[in-house]
Amino acid sequence: GRDHRGVLRRSDMAAFSASWEEPVEFDFRGVTVLKSGP
């Protein structure tokens, strides 16, 4: 209910890069189930 300014800056966006990660897995009934990390 109040007005605020955002804090996201160009420098934050420039510092971030999407990436590839190893999945987390569990074997269930003969199938390996893959998920992202915690």
Full PDB file with SEQRES, HELIX, SHEET, SSBOND, CRYST1, ORIGX, SCALE, CONECT and MASTER records, all heavy atoms in Angstrom:
SEQRES   1 A   38  GLY ARG ASP HIS ARG GLY VAL LEU ARG ARG SER ASP MET          
SEQRES   2 A   38  ALA ALA PHE SER ALA SER TRP GLU GLU PRO VAL GLU PHE          
SEQRES   3 A   38  ASP PHE ARG GLY VAL THR VAL LEU LYS SER GLY PRO              
HELIX    1 AA1 ARG A   10  ALA A   15  1                                   6    
SHEET    1 AA1 2 VAL A  24  PHE A  28  0                                        
SHEET    2 AA1 2 VAL A  31  LYS A  35 -1                                        
CRYST1    1.000    1.000    1.000  90.00  90.00  90.00 P 1           1          
ORIGX1      1.000000  0.000000  0.000000        0.00000                         
ORIGX2      0.000000  1.000000  0.000000        0.00000                         
ORIGX3      0.000000  0.000000  1.000000        0.00000                         
SCALE1      1.000000  0.000000  0.000000        0.00000                         
SCALE2      0.000000  1.000000  0.000000        0.00000                         
SCALE3      0.000000  0.000000  1.000000        0.00000                         
ATOM      1  N   GLY A   1       0.785  -1.230   0.000  1.00  0.00           N  
ATOM      2  CA  GLY A   1       0.000   0.000   0.000  1.00  0.00           C  
ATOM      3  C   GLY A   1       0.811   1.271   0.000  1.00  0.00           C  
ATOM      4  O   GLY A   1       0.265   2.364   0.092  1.00  0.00           O  
ATOM      5  N   ARG A   2       2.148   1.142  -0.123  1.00  0.00           N  
ATOM      6  CA  ARG A   2       3.014   2.319  -0.147  1.00  0.00           C  
ATOM      7  C   ARG A   2       3.839   2.347  -1.432  1.00  0.00           C  
ATOM      8  O   ARG A   2       3.928   1.355  -2.149  1.00  0.00           O  
ATOM      9  CB  ARG A   2       3.933   2.322   1.078  1.00  0.00           C  
ATOM     10  CG  ARG A   2       3.189   2.474   2.411  1.00  0.00           C  
ATOM     11  CD  ARG A   2       4.165   2.453   3.575  1.00  0.00           C  
ATOM     12  NE  ARG A   2       4.842   1.165   3.689  1.00  0.00           N  
ATOM     13  CZ  ARG A   2       5.997   0.984   4.310  1.00  0.00           C  
ATOM     14  NH1 ARG A   2       6.617   2.020   4.864  1.00  0.00           N  
ATOM     15  NH2 ARG A   2       6.544  -0.204   4.389  1.00  0.00           N  
ATOM     16  N   ASP A   3       4.455   3.482  -1.689  1.00  0.00           N  
ATOM     17  CA  ASP A   3       5.285   3.641  -2.872  1.00  0.00           C  
ATOM     18  C   ASP A   3       6.757   3.432  -2.519  1.00  0.00           C  
ATOM     19  O   ASP A   3       7.252   3.991  -1.533  1.00  0.00           O  
ATOM     20  CB  ASP A   3       5.110   5.041  -3.475  1.00  0.00           C  
ATOM     21  CG  ASP A   3       3.736   5.245  -4.079  1.00  0.00           C  
ATOM     22  OD1 ASP A   3       3.001   4.238  -4.239  1.00  0.00           O  
ATOM     23  OD2 ASP A   3       3.384   6.393  -4.385  1.00  0.00           O  
ATOM     24  N   HIS A   4       7.422   2.620  -3.315  1.00  0.00           N  
ATOM     25  CA  HIS A   4       8.849   2.346  -3.131  1.00  0.00           C  
ATOM     26  C   HIS A   4       9.542   2.398  -4.481  1.00  0.00           C  
ATOM     27  O   HIS A   4       8.918   2.252  -5.537  1.00  0.00           O  
ATOM     28  CB  HIS A   4       9.074   0.953  -2.525  1.00  0.00           C  
ATOM     29  CG  HIS A   4       8.357   0.691  -1.251  1.00  0.00           C  
ATOM     30  ND1 HIS A   4       8.707   1.298  -0.067  1.00  0.00           N  
ATOM     31  CD2 HIS A   4       7.305  -0.127  -0.966  1.00  0.00           C  
ATOM     32  CE1 HIS A   4       7.897   0.867   0.898  1.00  0.00           C  
ATOM     33  NE2 HIS A   4       7.045   0.006   0.380  1.00  0.00           N  
ATOM     34  N   ARG A   5      10.855   2.556  -4.439  1.00  0.00           N  
ATOM     35  CA  ARG A   5      11.690   2.430  -5.629  1.00  0.00           C  
ATOM     36  C   ARG A   5      12.238   0.998  -5.708  1.00  0.00           C  
ATOM     37  O   ARG A   5      12.531   0.382  -4.690  1.00  0.00           O  
ATOM     38  CB  ARG A   5      12.868   3.405  -5.583  1.00  0.00           C  
ATOM     39  CG  ARG A   5      12.493   4.877  -5.668  1.00  0.00           C  
ATOM     40  CD  ARG A   5      13.746   5.743  -5.571  1.00  0.00           C  
ATOM     41  NE  ARG A   5      13.450   7.156  -5.789  1.00  0.00           N  
ATOM     42  CZ  ARG A   5      13.033   7.988  -4.842  1.00  0.00           C  
ATOM     43  NH1 ARG A   5      12.871   7.540  -3.591  1.00  0.00           N  
ATOM     44  NH2 ARG A   5      12.793   9.253  -5.130  1.00  0.00           N  
ATOM     45  N   GLY A   6      12.390   0.502  -6.916  1.00  0.00           N  
ATOM     46  CA  GLY A   6      13.075  -0.766  -7.094  1.00  0.00           C  
ATOM     47  C   GLY A   6      14.570  -0.598  -6.923  1.00  0.00           C  
ATOM     48  O   GLY A   6      15.104   0.519  -7.010  1.00  0.00           O  
ATOM     49  N   VAL A   7      15.284  -1.694  -6.684  1.00  0.00           N  
ATOM     50  CA  VAL A   7      16.731  -1.632  -6.465  1.00  0.00           C  
ATOM     51  C   VAL A   7      17.521  -2.354  -7.549  1.00  0.00           C  
ATOM     52  O   VAL A   7      18.750  -2.375  -7.508  1.00  0.00           O  
ATOM     53  CB  VAL A   7      17.106  -2.204  -5.085  1.00  0.00           C  
ATOM     54  CG1 VAL A   7      16.490  -1.362  -3.969  1.00  0.00           C  
ATOM     55  CG2 VAL A   7      16.685  -3.665  -4.952  1.00  0.00           C  
ATOM     56  N   LEU A   8      16.833  -2.935  -8.531  1.00  0.00           N  
ATOM     57  CA  LEU A   8      17.521  -3.617  -9.619  1.00  0.00           C  
ATOM     58  C   LEU A   8      18.251  -2.605 -10.495  1.00  0.00           C  
ATOM     59  O   LEU A   8      17.664  -1.590 -10.894  1.00  0.00           O  
ATOM     60  CB  LEU A   8      16.510  -4.410 -10.455  1.00  0.00           C  
ATOM     61  CG  LEU A   8      17.062  -5.165 -11.666  1.00  0.00           C  
ATOM     62  CD1 LEU A   8      18.019  -6.265 -11.228  1.00  0.00           C  
ATOM     63  CD2 LEU A   8      15.916  -5.750 -12.494  1.00  0.00           C  
ATOM     64  N   ARG A   9      19.500  -2.871 -10.817  1.00  0.00           N  
ATOM     65  CA  ARG A   9      20.302  -1.956 -11.609  1.00  0.00           C  
ATOM     66  C   ARG A   9      20.915  -2.672 -12.820  1.00  0.00           C  
ATOM     67  O   ARG A   9      21.022  -3.895 -12.853  1.00  0.00           O  
ATOM     68  CB  ARG A   9      21.435  -1.353 -10.751  1.00  0.00           C  
ATOM     69  CG  ARG A   9      20.924  -0.529  -9.574  1.00  0.00           C  
ATOM     70  CD  ARG A   9      20.261   0.763 -10.040  1.00  0.00           C  
ATOM     71  NE  ARG A   9      19.737   1.549  -8.921  1.00  0.00           N  
ATOM     72  CZ  ARG A   9      18.449   1.552  -8.539  1.00  0.00           C  
ATOM     73  NH1 ARG A   9      17.572   0.802  -9.182  1.00  0.00           N  
ATOM     74  NH2 ARG A   9      18.067   2.306  -7.528  1.00  0.00           N  
ATOM     75  N   ARG A  10      21.329  -1.868 -13.779  1.00  0.00           N  
ATOM     76  CA  ARG A  10      22.000  -2.408 -14.960  1.00  0.00           C  
ATOM     77  C   ARG A  10      23.200  -3.268 -14.553  1.00  0.00           C  
ATOM     78  O   ARG A  10      23.477  -4.310 -15.160  1.00  0.00           O  
ATOM     79  CB  ARG A  10      22.461  -1.267 -15.870  1.00  0.00           C  
ATOM     80  CG  ARG A  10      23.103  -1.757 -17.181  1.00  0.00           C  
ATOM     81  CD  ARG A  10      24.007  -0.680 -17.797  1.00  0.00           C  
ATOM     82  NE  ARG A  10      23.255   0.470 -18.254  1.00  0.00           N  
ATOM     83  CZ  ARG A  10      23.077   0.814 -19.531  1.00  0.00           C  
ATOM     84  NH1 ARG A  10      23.605   0.073 -20.489  1.00  0.00           N  
ATOM     85  NH2 ARG A  10      22.409   1.899 -19.854  1.00  0.00           N  
ATOM     86  N   SER A  11      23.915  -2.847 -13.536  1.00  0.00           N  
ATOM     87  CA  SER A  11      25.092  -3.603 -13.091  1.00  0.00           C  
ATOM     88  C   SER A  11      24.709  -4.991 -12.585  1.00  0.00           C  
ATOM     89  O   SER A  11      25.469  -5.952 -12.750  1.00  0.00           O  
ATOM     90  CB  SER A  11      25.837  -2.830 -11.995  1.00  0.00           C  
ATOM     91  OG  SER A  11      24.967  -2.524 -10.904  1.00  0.00           O  
ATOM     92  N   ASP A  12      23.529  -5.122 -11.959  1.00  0.00           N  
ATOM     93  CA  ASP A  12      23.063  -6.441 -11.512  1.00  0.00           C  
ATOM     94  C   ASP A  12      22.807  -7.347 -12.705  1.00  0.00           C  
ATOM     95  O   ASP A  12      23.162  -8.537 -12.690  1.00  0.00           O  
ATOM     96  CB  ASP A  12      21.774  -6.304 -10.693  1.00  0.00           C  
ATOM     97  CG  ASP A  12      21.966  -5.538  -9.395  1.00  0.00           C  
ATOM     98  OD1 ASP A  12      22.885  -5.888  -8.636  1.00  0.00           O  
ATOM     99  OD2 ASP A  12      21.193  -4.588  -9.157  1.00  0.00           O  
ATOM    100  N   MET A  13      22.175  -6.778 -13.729  1.00  0.00           N  
ATOM    101  CA  MET A  13      21.888  -7.583 -14.917  1.00  0.00           C  
ATOM    102  C   MET A  13      23.168  -7.965 -15.647  1.00  0.00           C  
ATOM    103  O   MET A  13      23.307  -9.095 -16.135  1.00  0.00           O  
ATOM    104  CB  MET A  13      20.932  -6.829 -15.838  1.00  0.00           C  
ATOM    105  CG  MET A  13      19.545  -6.647 -15.234  1.00  0.00           C  
ATOM    106  SD  MET A  13      18.346  -5.962 -16.387  1.00  0.00           S  
ATOM    107  CE  MET A  13      18.275  -7.224 -17.652  1.00  0.00           C  
ATOM    108  N   ALA A  14      24.111  -7.045 -15.724  1.00  0.00           N  
ATOM    109  CA  ALA A  14      25.366  -7.326 -16.412  1.00  0.00           C  
ATOM    110  C   ALA A  14      26.171  -8.407 -15.695  1.00  0.00           C  
ATOM    111  O   ALA A  14      26.906  -9.173 -16.333  1.00  0.00           O  
ATOM    112  CB  ALA A  14      26.184  -6.052 -16.531  1.00  0.00           C  
ATOM    113  N   ALA A  15      26.016  -8.495 -14.382  1.00  0.00           N  
ATOM    114  CA  ALA A  15      26.801  -9.459 -13.597  1.00  0.00           C  
ATOM    115  C   ALA A  15      26.243 -10.872 -13.668  1.00  0.00           C  
ATOM    116  O   ALA A  15      26.929 -11.834 -13.304  1.00  0.00           O  
ATOM    117  CB  ALA A  15      26.874  -8.999 -12.142  1.00  0.00           C  
ATOM    118  N   PHE A  16      24.998 -11.002 -14.130  1.00  0.00           N  
ATOM    119  CA  PHE A  16      24.356 -12.324 -14.141  1.00  0.00           C  
ATOM    120  C   PHE A  16      24.471 -12.978 -15.505  1.00  0.00           C  
ATOM    121  O   PHE A  16      24.359 -12.337 -16.543  1.00  0.00           O  
ATOM    122  CB  PHE A  16      22.868 -12.195 -13.793  1.00  0.00           C  
ATOM    123  CG  PHE A  16      22.097 -13.471 -14.004  1.00  0.00           C  
ATOM    124  CD1 PHE A  16      22.203 -14.505 -13.095  1.00  0.00           C  
ATOM    125  CD2 PHE A  16      21.289 -13.645 -15.122  1.00  0.00           C  
ATOM    126  CE1 PHE A  16      21.510 -15.704 -13.296  1.00  0.00           C  
ATOM    127  CE2 PHE A  16      20.595 -14.820 -15.327  1.00  0.00           C  
ATOM    128  CZ  PHE A  16      20.694 -15.857 -14.413  1.00  0.00           C  
ATOM    129  N   SER A  17      24.683 -14.277 -15.494  1.00  0.00           N  
ATOM    130  CA  SER A  17      24.644 -15.064 -16.713  1.00  0.00           C  
ATOM    131  C   SER A  17      23.968 -16.388 -16.395  1.00  0.00           C  
ATOM    132  O   SER A  17      24.285 -17.044 -15.393  1.00  0.00           O  
ATOM    133  CB  SER A  17      26.056 -15.314 -17.248  1.00  0.00           C  
ATOM    134  OG  SER A  17      26.017 -16.132 -18.400  1.00  0.00           O  
ATOM    135  N   ALA A  18      23.012 -16.766 -17.215  1.00  0.00           N  
ATOM    136  CA  ALA A  18      22.413 -18.092 -17.074  1.00  0.00           C  
ATOM    137  C   ALA A  18      23.502 -19.152 -17.223  1.00  0.00           C  
ATOM    138  O   ALA A  18      24.555 -18.905 -17.831  1.00  0.00           O  
ATOM    139  CB  ALA A  18      21.324 -18.288 -18.116  1.00  0.00           C  
ATOM    140  N   SER A  19      23.246 -20.341 -16.700  1.00  0.00           N  
ATOM    141  CA  SER A  19      24.307 -21.353 -16.686  1.00  0.00           C  
ATOM    142  C   SER A  19      23.720 -22.751 -16.718  1.00  0.00           C  
ATOM    143  O   SER A  19      22.509 -22.958 -16.558  1.00  0.00           O  
ATOM    144  CB  SER A  19      25.184 -21.174 -15.438  1.00  0.00           C  
ATOM    145  OG  SER A  19      24.403 -21.317 -14.260  1.00  0.00           O  
ATOM    146  N   TRP A  20      24.611 -23.710 -16.918  1.00  0.00           N  
ATOM    147  CA  TRP A  20      24.242 -25.126 -16.902  1.00  0.00           C  
ATOM    148  C   TRP A  20      24.713 -25.758 -15.594  1.00  0.00           C  
ATOM    149  O   TRP A  20      25.801 -25.463 -15.121  1.00  0.00           O  
ATOM    150  CB  TRP A  20      24.882 -25.851 -18.079  1.00  0.00           C  
ATOM    151  CG  TRP A  20      24.451 -25.353 -19.417  1.00  0.00           C  
ATOM    152  CD1 TRP A  20      25.175 -24.556 -20.272  1.00  0.00           C  
ATOM    153  CD2 TRP A  20      23.204 -25.598 -20.064  1.00  0.00           C  
ATOM    154  NE1 TRP A  20      24.449 -24.305 -21.405  1.00  0.00           N  
ATOM    155  CE2 TRP A  20      23.238 -24.932 -21.310  1.00  0.00           C  
ATOM    156  CE3 TRP A  20      22.057 -26.317 -19.716  1.00  0.00           C  
ATOM    157  CZ2 TRP A  20      22.174 -24.966 -22.207  1.00  0.00           C  
ATOM    158  CZ3 TRP A  20      20.993 -26.362 -20.592  1.00  0.00           C  
ATOM    159  CH2 TRP A  20      21.046 -25.696 -21.831  1.00  0.00           C  
ATOM    160  N   GLU A  21      23.875 -26.615 -15.040  1.00  0.00           N  
ATOM    161  CA  GLU A  21      24.219 -27.293 -13.791  1.00  0.00           C  
ATOM    162  C   GLU A  21      23.933 -28.786 -13.909  1.00  0.00           C  
ATOM    163  O   GLU A  21      23.108 -29.215 -14.730  1.00  0.00           O  
ATOM    164  CB  GLU A  21      23.409 -26.716 -12.621  1.00  0.00           C  
ATOM    165  CG  GLU A  21      23.708 -25.264 -12.307  1.00  0.00           C  
ATOM    166  CD  GLU A  21      23.011 -24.806 -11.034  1.00  0.00           C  
ATOM    167  OE1 GLU A  21      22.272 -25.614 -10.427  1.00  0.00           O  
ATOM    168  OE2 GLU A  21      23.211 -23.640 -10.651  1.00  0.00           O  
ATOM    169  N   GLU A  22      24.573 -29.546 -13.070  1.00  0.00           N  
ATOM    170  CA  GLU A  22      24.308 -30.980 -12.996  1.00  0.00           C  
ATOM    171  C   GLU A  22      22.975 -31.208 -12.277  1.00  0.00           C  
ATOM    172  O   GLU A  22      22.725 -30.617 -11.226  1.00  0.00           O  
ATOM    173  CB  GLU A  22      25.438 -31.679 -12.235  1.00  0.00           C  
ATOM    174  CG  GLU A  22      25.313 -33.189 -12.162  1.00  0.00           C  
ATOM    175  CD  GLU A  22      26.449 -33.834 -11.379  1.00  0.00           C  
ATOM    176  OE1 GLU A  22      27.400 -33.121 -11.031  1.00  0.00           O  
ATOM    177  OE2 GLU A  22      26.365 -35.045 -11.119  1.00  0.00           O  
ATOM    178  N   PRO A  23      22.105 -32.040 -12.806  1.00  0.00           N  
ATOM    179  CA  PRO A  23      20.831 -32.288 -12.118  1.00  0.00           C  
ATOM    180  C   PRO A  23      21.004 -33.152 -10.882  1.00  0.00           C  
ATOM    181  O   PRO A  23      22.020 -33.837 -10.709  1.00  0.00           O  
ATOM    182  CB  PRO A  23      19.997 -33.009 -13.177  1.00  0.00           C  
ATOM    183  CG  PRO A  23      20.992 -33.649 -14.083  1.00  0.00           C  
ATOM    184  CD  PRO A  23      22.200 -32.750 -14.090  1.00  0.00           C  
ATOM    185  N   VAL A  24      20.007 -33.097 -10.029  1.00  0.00           N  
ATOM    186  CA  VAL A  24      19.901 -33.994  -8.875  1.00  0.00           C  
ATOM    187  C   VAL A  24      19.023 -35.165  -9.303  1.00  0.00           C  
ATOM    188  O   VAL A  24      18.077 -34.988 -10.081  1.00  0.00           O  
ATOM    189  CB  VAL A  24      19.277 -33.257  -7.680  1.00  0.00           C  
ATOM    190  CG1 VAL A  24      19.136 -34.183  -6.487  1.00  0.00           C  
ATOM    191  CG2 VAL A  24      20.109 -32.037  -7.326  1.00  0.00           C  
ATOM    192  N   GLU A  25      19.314 -36.370  -8.821  1.00  0.00           N  
ATOM    193  CA  GLU A  25      18.575 -37.525  -9.317  1.00  0.00           C  
ATOM    194  C   GLU A  25      18.223 -38.507  -8.216  1.00  0.00           C  
ATOM    195  O   GLU A  25      18.839 -38.534  -7.139  1.00  0.00           O  
ATOM    196  CB  GLU A  25      19.374 -38.245 -10.408  1.00  0.00           C  
ATOM    197  CG  GLU A  25      20.693 -38.838  -9.936  1.00  0.00           C  
ATOM    198  CD  GLU A  25      21.460 -39.490 -11.077  1.00  0.00           C  
ATOM    199  OE1 GLU A  25      21.663 -38.822 -12.116  1.00  0.00           O  
ATOM    200  OE2 GLU A  25      21.860 -40.665 -10.926  1.00  0.00           O  
ATOM    201  N   PHE A  26      17.189 -39.323  -8.520  1.00  0.00           N  
ATOM    202  CA  PHE A  26      16.797 -40.424  -7.639  1.00  0.00           C  
ATOM    203  C   PHE A  26      16.251 -41.534  -8.524  1.00  0.00           C  
ATOM    204  O   PHE A  26      15.468 -41.285  -9.446  1.00  0.00           O  
ATOM    205  CB  PHE A  26      15.732 -39.987  -6.629  1.00  0.00           C  
ATOM    206  CG  PHE A  26      15.312 -41.074  -5.683  1.00  0.00           C  
ATOM    207  CD1 PHE A  26      16.111 -41.403  -4.605  1.00  0.00           C  
ATOM    208  CD2 PHE A  26      14.142 -41.786  -5.879  1.00  0.00           C  
ATOM    209  CE1 PHE A  26      15.751 -42.421  -3.730  1.00  0.00           C  
ATOM    210  CE2 PHE A  26      13.758 -42.797  -5.011  1.00  0.00           C  
ATOM    211  CZ  PHE A  26      14.573 -43.122  -3.931  1.00  0.00           C  
ATOM    212  N   ASP A  27      16.672 -42.772  -8.256  1.00  0.00           N  
ATOM    213  CA  ASP A  27      16.191 -43.926  -9.017  1.00  0.00           C  
ATOM    214  C   ASP A  27      14.917 -44.473  -8.374  1.00  0.00           C  
ATOM    215  O   ASP A  27      14.927 -44.863  -7.194  1.00  0.00           O  
ATOM    216  CB  ASP A  27      17.260 -45.018  -9.075  1.00  0.00           C  
ATOM    217  CG  ASP A  27      18.451 -44.622  -9.931  1.00  0.00           C  
ATOM    218  OD1 ASP A  27      18.263 -43.802 -10.852  1.00  0.00           O  
ATOM    219  OD2 ASP A  27      19.567 -45.124  -9.682  1.00  0.00           O  
ATOM    220  N   PHE A  28      13.856 -44.502  -9.160  1.00  0.00           N  
ATOM    221  CA  PHE A  28      12.554 -44.951  -8.651  1.00  0.00           C  
ATOM    222  C   PHE A  28      11.946 -45.930  -9.649  1.00  0.00           C  
ATOM    223  O   PHE A  28      11.667 -45.580 -10.788  1.00  0.00           O  
ATOM    224  CB  PHE A  28      11.617 -43.753  -8.455  1.00  0.00           C  
ATOM    225  CG  PHE A  28      10.245 -44.111  -7.948  1.00  0.00           C  
ATOM    226  CD1 PHE A  28      10.044 -44.391  -6.592  1.00  0.00           C  
ATOM    227  CD2 PHE A  28       9.171 -44.175  -8.810  1.00  0.00           C  
ATOM    228  CE1 PHE A  28       8.779 -44.725  -6.121  1.00  0.00           C  
ATOM    229  CE2 PHE A  28       7.901 -44.495  -8.338  1.00  0.00           C  
ATOM    230  CZ  PHE A  28       7.705 -44.780  -6.996  1.00  0.00           C  
ATOM    231  N   ARG A  29      11.792 -47.162  -9.218  1.00  0.00           N  
ATOM    232  CA  ARG A  29      11.135 -48.211 -10.000  1.00  0.00           C  
ATOM    233  C   ARG A  29      11.731 -48.337 -11.405  1.00  0.00           C  
ATOM    234  O   ARG A  29      11.023 -48.388 -12.415  1.00  0.00           O  
ATOM    235  CB  ARG A  29       9.627 -47.941 -10.081  1.00  0.00           C  
ATOM    236  CG  ARG A  29       8.941 -47.760  -8.714  1.00  0.00           C  
ATOM    237  CD  ARG A  29       9.038 -49.016  -7.852  1.00  0.00           C  
ATOM    238  NE  ARG A  29       8.545 -48.814  -6.492  1.00  0.00           N  
ATOM    239  CZ  ARG A  29       7.322 -49.174  -6.067  1.00  0.00           C  
ATOM    240  NH1 ARG A  29       6.470 -49.723  -6.911  1.00  0.00           N  
ATOM    241  NH2 ARG A  29       6.980 -48.973  -4.807  1.00  0.00           N  
ATOM    242  N   GLY A  30      13.049 -48.347 -11.482  1.00  0.00           N  
ATOM    243  CA  GLY A  30      13.734 -48.576 -12.740  1.00  0.00           C  
ATOM    244  C   GLY A  30      13.917 -47.355 -13.611  1.00  0.00           C  
ATOM    245  O   GLY A  30      14.397 -47.464 -14.747  1.00  0.00           O  
ATOM    246  N   VAL A  31      13.560 -46.188 -13.100  1.00  0.00           N  
ATOM    247  CA  VAL A  31      13.666 -44.947 -13.859  1.00  0.00           C  
ATOM    248  C   VAL A  31      14.464 -43.946 -13.032  1.00  0.00           C  
ATOM    249  O   VAL A  31      14.294 -43.850 -11.815  1.00  0.00           O  
ATOM    250  CB  VAL A  31      12.272 -44.378 -14.180  1.00  0.00           C  
ATOM    251  CG1 VAL A  31      12.372 -42.975 -14.764  1.00  0.00           C  
ATOM    252  CG2 VAL A  31      11.539 -45.299 -15.148  1.00  0.00           C  
ATOM    253  N   THR A  32      15.349 -43.180 -13.684  1.00  0.00           N  
ATOM    254  CA  THR A  32      16.074 -42.113 -13.005  1.00  0.00           C  
ATOM    255  C   THR A  32      15.303 -40.818 -13.175  1.00  0.00           C  
ATOM    256  O   THR A  32      15.060 -40.377 -14.308  1.00  0.00           O  
ATOM    257  CB  THR A  32      17.496 -41.955 -13.577  1.00  0.00           C  
ATOM    258  OG1 THR A  32      18.203 -43.194 -13.415  1.00  0.00           O  
ATOM    259  CG2 THR A  32      18.241 -40.851 -12.854  1.00  0.00           C  
ATOM    260  N   VAL A  33      14.906 -40.229 -12.057  1.00  0.00           N  
ATOM    261  CA  VAL A  33      14.125 -38.992 -12.050  1.00  0.00           C  
ATOM    262  C   VAL A  33      15.088 -37.837 -11.818  1.00  0.00           C  
ATOM    263  O   VAL A  33      15.820 -37.821 -10.814  1.00  0.00           O  
ATOM    264  CB  VAL A  33      13.044 -39.015 -10.955  1.00  0.00           C  
ATOM    265  CG1 VAL A  33      12.165 -37.763 -11.042  1.00  0.00           C  
ATOM    266  CG2 VAL A  33      12.188 -40.274 -11.069  1.00  0.00           C  
ATOM    267  N   LEU A  34      15.107 -36.854 -12.724  1.00  0.00           N  
ATOM    268  CA  LEU A  34      16.024 -35.724 -12.654  1.00  0.00           C  
ATOM    269  C   LEU A  34      15.293 -34.452 -12.242  1.00  0.00           C  
ATOM    270  O   LEU A  34      14.202 -34.165 -12.740  1.00  0.00           O  
ATOM    271  CB  LEU A  34      16.693 -35.478 -14.008  1.00  0.00           C  
ATOM    272  CG  LEU A  34      17.475 -36.630 -14.635  1.00  0.00           C  
ATOM    273  CD1 LEU A  34      18.120 -36.161 -15.929  1.00  0.00           C  
ATOM    274  CD2 LEU A  34      18.527 -37.164 -13.673  1.00  0.00           C  
ATOM    275  N   LYS A  35      15.937 -33.674 -11.352  1.00  0.00           N  
ATOM    276  CA  LYS A  35      15.391 -32.399 -10.904  1.00  0.00           C  
ATOM    277  C   LYS A  35      16.532 -31.387 -10.769  1.00  0.00           C  
ATOM    278  O   LYS A  35      17.710 -31.740 -10.816  1.00  0.00           O  
ATOM    279  CB  LYS A  35      14.684 -32.552  -9.545  1.00  0.00           C  
ATOM    280  CG  LYS A  35      13.553 -33.557  -9.519  1.00  0.00           C  
ATOM    281  CD  LYS A  35      12.385 -33.138 -10.386  1.00  0.00           C  
ATOM    282  CE  LYS A  35      11.597 -32.004  -9.775  1.00  0.00           C  
ATOM    283  NZ  LYS A  35      10.369 -31.693 -10.540  1.00  0.00           N  
ATOM    284  N   SER A  36      16.157 -30.135 -10.564  1.00  0.00           N  
ATOM    285  CA  SER A  36      17.156 -29.106 -10.267  1.00  0.00           C  
ATOM    286  C   SER A  36      17.571 -29.194  -8.804  1.00  0.00           C  
ATOM    287  O   SER A  36      16.976 -29.938  -8.018  1.00  0.00           O  
ATOM    288  CB  SER A  36      16.590 -27.725 -10.567  1.00  0.00           C  
ATOM    289  OG  SER A  36      15.479 -27.456  -9.726  1.00  0.00           O  
ATOM    290  N   GLY A  37      18.567 -28.419  -8.436  1.00  0.00           N  
ATOM    291  CA  GLY A  37      19.111 -28.464  -7.084  1.00  0.00           C  
ATOM    292  C   GLY A  37      18.241 -27.771  -6.054  1.00  0.00           C  
ATOM    293  O   GLY A  37      17.147 -27.275  -6.346  1.00  0.00           O  
ATOM    294  N   PRO A  38      18.727 -27.681  -4.809  1.00  0.00           N  
ATOM    295  CA  PRO A  38      17.923 -27.164  -3.699  1.00  0.00           C  
ATOM    296  C   PRO A  38      17.739 -25.656  -3.693  1.00  0.00           C  
ATOM    297  O   PRO A  38      17.135 -25.123  -2.769  1.00  0.00           O  
ATOM    298  CB  PRO A  38      18.697 -27.635  -2.463  1.00  0.00           C  
ATOM    299  CG  PRO A  38      20.122 -27.735  -2.929  1.00  0.00           C  
ATOM    300  CD  PRO A  38      20.035 -28.197  -4.348  1.00  0.00           C  
TER     301      PRO A  38                                                      
MASTER        0    0    0    1    2    0    0    6  300    1    0    3          
END                                                                             
